[in-house]
Amino acid sequence: NTEPRHQNYTVFQPPKAIRMQAIQIMTELNLTHGVFDFIVTDKDEWFFDTLNPLGQYQWIEDMKGSDISSSIAKWLMINN
């Protein structure tokens, strides 16, 4: 099947305490980008699952027409 798949997603802001902890982790690991995965219970309890320093973004490129890959490649060429 060569038809593009459309992903369903919801944009939302995590609680401030979770955002601050994520920033602290990024700072301690000296990372400038990362994708966090959390499990959120029905009682709004947040549990950290994973941190991916590369993230998965091709679906965003496909859906929004963004060119994240080229931006990363340009940054790597300039900063390498």
Protein backbone atom coordinates (compact mmCIF):
# COMPACT_ATOMS: atom_id res chain seq x y z
CA ASN A 1 0.00 0.00 0.00
CA THR A 2 1.62 3.27 -1.13
CA GLU A 3 -1.05 5.61 0.20
CA PRO A 4 0.20 7.90 2.99
CA ARG A 5 -1.06 6.91 6.40
CA HIS A 6 -2.62 9.65 8.45
CA GLN A 7 -1.71 9.59 12.10
CA ASN A 8 -4.07 10.64 14.84
CA TYR A 9 -2.52 12.77 17.52
CA THR A 10 -3.47 15.19 20.23
CA VAL A 11 -1.35 18.13 21.32
CA PHE A 12 -1.48 18.92 25.02
CA GLN A 13 0.69 20.44 27.70
CA PRO A 14 1.84 18.24 30.57
CA PRO A 15 1.58 19.63 34.09
CA LYS A 16 4.22 22.20 35.03
CA ALA A 17 5.93 19.81 37.48
CA ILE A 18 6.36 17.23 34.70
CA ARG A 19 7.71 19.86 32.28
CA MET A 20 10.23 21.05 34.87
CA GLN A 21 11.41 17.49 35.55
CA ALA A 22 11.78 16.88 31.80
CA ILE A 23 13.88 20.05 31.46
CA GLN A 24 16.04 18.93 34.39
CA ILE A 25 16.63 15.53 32.76
CA MET A 26 17.50 17.17 29.42
CA THR A 27 19.94 19.52 31.17
CA GLU A 28 21.61 16.73 33.15
CA LEU A 29 22.02 14.65 29.99
CA ASN A 30 23.22 17.69 28.01
CA LEU A 31 20.53 17.14 25.38
CA THR A 32 18.94 19.84 23.24
CA HIS A 33 16.16 17.64 21.87
CA GLY A 34 14.27 14.65 23.15
CA VAL A 35 10.92 12.97 22.94
CA PHE A 36 9.47 11.80 26.22
CA ASP A 37 6.91 9.03 26.52
CA PHE A 38 4.68 8.89 29.56
CA ILE A 39 1.93 6.66 30.80
CA VAL A 40 -0.93 8.76 32.17
CA THR A 41 -3.52 7.03 34.31
CA ASP A 42 -7.22 7.84 34.52
CA LYS A 43 -6.37 9.59 37.80
CA ASP A 44 -3.93 11.91 35.96
CA GLU A 45 -0.87 10.20 37.42
CA TRP A 46 2.17 10.56 35.15
CA PHE A 47 4.77 7.81 34.86
CA PHE A 48 7.95 8.24 32.83
CA ASP A 49 8.42 5.51 30.20
CA THR A 50 11.23 6.50 27.81
CA LEU A 51 13.32 9.37 26.50
CA ASN A 52 14.33 9.19 22.85
CA PRO A 53 17.03 11.78 22.03
CA LEU A 54 16.26 11.49 18.32
CA GLY A 55 12.51 11.28 18.41
CA GLN A 56 10.27 10.07 15.63
CA TYR A 57 9.18 12.83 13.35
CA GLN A 58 8.73 11.53 9.79
CA TRP A 59 4.97 11.32 10.34
CA ILE A 60 4.99 15.04 11.14
CA GLU A 61 6.98 15.76 7.98
CA ASP A 62 4.47 13.76 5.94
CA MET A 63 1.41 15.32 7.55
CA LYS A 64 2.54 18.93 7.84
CA GLY A 65 4.98 19.19 4.93
CA SER A 66 7.78 20.09 7.35
CA ASP A 67 11.38 19.39 6.40
CA ILE A 68 12.84 18.40 9.75
CA SER A 69 15.29 15.91 8.21
CA SER A 70 16.99 18.57 6.08
CA SER A 71 17.21 20.92 9.05
CA ILE A 72 18.93 18.22 11.12
CA ALA A 73 21.30 17.37 8.24
CA LYS A 74 22.24 21.05 7.80
CA TRP A 75 22.83 21.44 11.54
CA LEU A 76 25.04 18.34 11.59
CA MET A 77 27.11 19.60 8.65
CA ILE A 78 27.61 23.02 10.26
CA ASN A 79 28.36 21.67 13.75
CA ASN A 80 30.51 18.68 12.90
